[in-house]
């Protein structure tokens, strides 16, 4: 089990990849871990926890998650 309690670049990369895989994001290539700041780690972790806890997502849920990731990306 991965320890996500510590904010670091490796954990950001892990969470982004897990979210992309779980949501089967066609535009996943546009979402690079390097676009996410450690300053937003806890917010990203919250999104990751939500995605990891569910097996299926409605279209509106996927859109909301992608929107949230967009807001977290690149913002300090």
N, C-alpha and C. Protein backbone atom coordinates (compact mmCIF):
# COMPACT_ATOMS: atom_id res chain seq x y z
N UNK A 1 0.85 -1.19 0.00
CA UNK A 1 0.00 0.00 0.00
C UNK A 1 0.89 1.24 0.00
N UNK A 2 0.58 2.15 -0.84
CA UNK A 2 1.37 3.37 -0.99
C UNK A 2 1.02 4.36 0.12
N UNK A 3 2.03 5.02 0.68
CA UNK A 3 1.81 6.04 1.70
C UNK A 3 1.61 7.39 1.01
N UNK A 4 0.36 7.83 0.99
CA UNK A 4 0.05 9.10 0.34
C UNK A 4 0.00 10.26 1.34
N UNK A 5 0.38 10.00 2.58
CA UNK A 5 0.33 11.05 3.59
C UNK A 5 1.37 12.13 3.35
N UNK A 6 2.46 11.77 2.68
CA UNK A 6 3.53 12.74 2.46
C UNK A 6 3.42 13.37 1.07
N UNK A 7 3.27 14.69 1.03
CA UNK A 7 3.21 15.38 -0.26
C UNK A 7 4.55 15.33 -0.99
N UNK A 8 4.57 14.68 -2.14
CA UNK A 8 5.78 14.70 -2.97
C UNK A 8 5.39 14.44 -4.42
N UNK A 9 6.35 14.69 -5.31
CA UNK A 9 6.09 14.58 -6.74
C UNK A 9 5.70 13.16 -7.15
N UNK A 10 6.32 12.16 -6.54
CA UNK A 10 6.00 10.77 -6.87
C UNK A 10 4.55 10.44 -6.53
N UNK A 11 4.09 10.92 -5.38
CA UNK A 11 2.70 10.66 -4.99
C UNK A 11 1.72 11.39 -5.91
N UNK A 12 2.08 12.59 -6.32
CA UNK A 12 1.22 13.32 -7.27
C UNK A 12 1.12 12.51 -8.56
N UNK A 13 2.24 12.05 -9.07
CA UNK A 13 2.24 11.26 -10.31
C UNK A 13 1.40 10.00 -10.15
N UNK A 14 1.54 9.32 -9.02
CA UNK A 14 0.76 8.11 -8.75
C UNK A 14 -0.73 8.40 -8.76
N UNK A 15 -1.15 9.46 -8.06
CA UNK A 15 -2.58 9.78 -7.96
C UNK A 15 -3.15 10.19 -9.32
N UNK A 16 -2.41 10.99 -10.08
CA UNK A 16 -2.90 11.41 -11.39
C UNK A 16 -3.08 10.20 -12.30
N UNK A 17 -2.11 9.31 -12.32
CA UNK A 17 -2.22 8.11 -13.16
C UNK A 17 -3.39 7.24 -12.72
N UNK A 18 -3.58 7.09 -11.40
CA UNK A 18 -4.69 6.28 -10.90
C UNK A 18 -6.04 6.89 -11.28
N UNK A 19 -6.14 8.21 -11.18
CA UNK A 19 -7.39 8.90 -11.54
C UNK A 19 -7.65 8.73 -13.04
N UNK A 20 -6.63 8.94 -13.86
CA UNK A 20 -6.80 8.80 -15.31
C UNK A 20 -7.24 7.38 -15.67
N UNK A 21 -6.61 6.39 -15.06
CA UNK A 21 -6.96 5.00 -15.36
C UNK A 21 -8.37 4.67 -14.90
N UNK A 22 -8.72 5.10 -13.72
CA UNK A 22 -10.04 4.77 -13.17
C UNK A 22 -11.16 5.43 -13.97
N UNK A 23 -10.93 6.65 -14.42
CA UNK A 23 -11.95 7.37 -15.18
C UNK A 23 -11.87 7.07 -16.68
N UNK A 24 -10.87 6.30 -17.07
CA UNK A 24 -10.66 5.97 -18.49
C UNK A 24 -10.68 7.24 -19.33
N UNK A 25 -9.89 8.19 -18.91
CA UNK A 25 -9.90 9.50 -19.53
C UNK A 25 -9.22 9.47 -20.89
N UNK A 26 -9.99 9.81 -21.91
CA UNK A 26 -9.45 9.86 -23.27
C UNK A 26 -8.44 10.98 -23.40
N UNK A 27 -8.65 12.06 -22.67
CA UNK A 27 -7.73 13.19 -22.73
C UNK A 27 -6.67 13.11 -21.64
N UNK A 28 -6.42 11.93 -21.16
CA UNK A 28 -5.47 11.74 -20.07
C UNK A 28 -4.08 12.24 -20.37
N UNK A 29 -3.69 12.22 -21.65
CA UNK A 29 -2.35 12.68 -22.01
C UNK A 29 -2.17 14.16 -21.69
N UNK A 30 -3.26 14.91 -21.70
CA UNK A 30 -3.17 16.34 -21.40
C UNK A 30 -2.99 16.60 -19.90
N UNK A 31 -3.22 15.59 -19.10
CA UNK A 31 -3.13 15.77 -17.65
C UNK A 31 -1.83 15.16 -17.14
N UNK A 32 -0.81 15.97 -17.03
CA UNK A 32 0.50 15.54 -16.58
C UNK A 32 0.68 15.87 -15.10
N UNK A 33 1.31 14.98 -14.38
CA UNK A 33 1.54 15.20 -12.95
C UNK A 33 2.35 16.47 -12.72
N UNK A 34 3.22 16.82 -13.65
CA UNK A 34 4.06 18.01 -13.49
C UNK A 34 3.25 19.30 -13.49
N UNK A 35 1.99 19.24 -13.92
CA UNK A 35 1.13 20.42 -13.92
C UNK A 35 0.51 20.70 -12.55
N UNK A 36 0.73 19.81 -11.60
CA UNK A 36 0.12 19.95 -10.28
C UNK A 36 1.16 20.32 -9.24
N UNK A 37 0.84 21.33 -8.46
CA UNK A 37 1.76 21.86 -7.46
C UNK A 37 1.60 21.11 -6.13
N UNK A 38 2.70 21.00 -5.41
CA UNK A 38 2.63 20.43 -4.06
C UNK A 38 1.74 21.27 -3.15
N UNK A 39 1.56 22.54 -3.48
CA UNK A 39 0.70 23.42 -2.68
C UNK A 39 -0.75 22.95 -2.72
N UNK A 40 -1.13 22.24 -3.77
CA UNK A 40 -2.50 21.73 -3.92
C UNK A 40 -2.60 20.24 -3.61
N UNK A 41 -1.61 19.70 -2.95
CA UNK A 41 -1.54 18.25 -2.70
C UNK A 41 -2.77 17.73 -1.97
N UNK A 42 -3.17 18.40 -0.91
CA UNK A 42 -4.31 17.91 -0.12
C UNK A 42 -5.60 17.91 -0.93
N UNK A 43 -5.78 18.93 -1.77
CA UNK A 43 -6.97 18.97 -2.62
C UNK A 43 -6.93 17.84 -3.64
N UNK A 44 -5.77 17.58 -4.22
CA UNK A 44 -5.63 16.49 -5.16
C UNK A 44 -5.88 15.15 -4.46
N UNK A 45 -5.37 15.04 -3.26
CA UNK A 45 -5.59 13.80 -2.48
C UNK A 45 -7.07 13.58 -2.23
N UNK A 46 -7.83 14.64 -1.96
CA UNK A 46 -9.27 14.52 -1.76
C UNK A 46 -9.95 13.98 -3.02
N UNK A 47 -9.57 14.51 -4.18
CA UNK A 47 -10.14 14.04 -5.45
C UNK A 47 -9.76 12.57 -5.65
N UNK A 48 -8.50 12.24 -5.40
CA UNK A 48 -8.04 10.86 -5.55
C UNK A 48 -8.84 9.91 -4.65
N UNK A 49 -9.06 10.31 -3.40
CA UNK A 49 -9.80 9.46 -2.46
C UNK A 49 -11.22 9.20 -2.94
N UNK A 50 -11.85 10.22 -3.49
CA UNK A 50 -13.21 10.07 -4.02
C UNK A 50 -13.22 9.09 -5.20
N UNK A 51 -12.28 9.30 -6.13
CA UNK A 51 -12.22 8.44 -7.31
C UNK A 51 -11.90 6.99 -6.91
N UNK A 52 -10.97 6.82 -5.98
CA UNK A 52 -10.57 5.48 -5.56
C UNK A 52 -11.69 4.74 -4.83
N UNK A 53 -12.60 5.48 -4.22
CA UNK A 53 -13.65 4.84 -3.41
C UNK A 53 -14.85 4.35 -4.22
N UNK A 54 -14.93 4.74 -5.50
CA UNK A 54 -16.08 4.38 -6.32
C UNK A 54 -15.69 3.44 -7.45
N UNK A 55 -16.63 2.59 -7.84
CA UNK A 55 -16.39 1.68 -8.95
C UNK A 55 -16.89 2.23 -10.28
N UNK A 56 -17.99 2.98 -10.23
CA UNK A 56 -18.58 3.51 -11.44
C UNK A 56 -18.89 4.99 -11.27
N UNK A 57 -18.84 5.71 -12.39
CA UNK A 57 -19.09 7.14 -12.36
C UNK A 57 -20.07 7.50 -13.46
N UNK A 58 -20.97 8.41 -13.14
CA UNK A 58 -21.87 8.93 -14.16
C UNK A 58 -21.09 9.95 -15.00
N UNK A 59 -21.65 10.30 -16.14
CA UNK A 59 -21.00 11.30 -16.99
C UNK A 59 -20.84 12.61 -16.24
N UNK A 60 -21.87 13.00 -15.49
CA UNK A 60 -21.78 14.27 -14.76
C UNK A 60 -20.73 14.21 -13.65
N UNK A 61 -20.56 13.05 -13.04
CA UNK A 61 -19.51 12.91 -12.02
C UNK A 61 -18.12 13.03 -12.65
N UNK A 62 -17.93 12.40 -13.80
CA UNK A 62 -16.64 12.49 -14.48
C UNK A 62 -16.36 13.94 -14.87
N UNK A 63 -17.39 14.62 -15.39
CA UNK A 63 -17.21 16.02 -15.77
C UNK A 63 -16.84 16.88 -14.57
N UNK A 64 -17.48 16.62 -13.42
CA UNK A 64 -17.18 17.38 -12.20
C UNK A 64 -15.75 17.12 -11.73
N UNK A 65 -15.32 15.87 -11.79
CA UNK A 65 -13.96 15.52 -11.37
C UNK A 65 -12.93 16.16 -12.29
N UNK A 66 -13.18 16.07 -13.59
CA UNK A 66 -12.26 16.68 -14.55
C UNK A 66 -12.20 18.20 -14.36
N UNK A 67 -13.35 18.80 -14.09
CA UNK A 67 -13.39 20.24 -13.84
C UNK A 67 -12.56 20.59 -12.60
N UNK A 68 -12.72 19.82 -11.54
CA UNK A 68 -11.96 20.06 -10.32
C UNK A 68 -10.46 19.92 -10.56
N UNK A 69 -10.09 18.88 -11.30
CA UNK A 69 -8.67 18.69 -11.62
C UNK A 69 -8.14 19.87 -12.44
N UNK A 70 -8.97 20.37 -13.33
CA UNK A 70 -8.57 21.54 -14.13
C UNK A 70 -8.31 22.76 -13.26
N UNK A 71 -9.12 22.91 -12.22
CA UNK A 71 -8.93 24.04 -11.31
C UNK A 71 -7.67 23.88 -10.47
N UNK A 72 -7.33 22.64 -10.14
CA UNK A 72 -6.14 22.38 -9.32
C UNK A 72 -4.87 22.47 -10.15
N UNK A 73 -4.98 22.20 -11.42
CA UNK A 73 -3.80 22.14 -12.29
C UNK A 73 -3.20 23.54 -12.50
N UNK A 74 -1.95 23.65 -12.19
CA UNK A 74 -1.23 24.89 -12.49
C UNK A 74 -1.52 26.05 -11.59
N UNK A 75 -2.38 25.89 -10.61
CA UNK A 75 -2.70 27.00 -9.70
C UNK A 75 -1.88 26.87 -8.43
N UNK A 76 -1.32 27.95 -8.00
CA UNK A 76 -0.53 27.94 -6.74
C UNK A 76 -1.42 28.30 -5.59
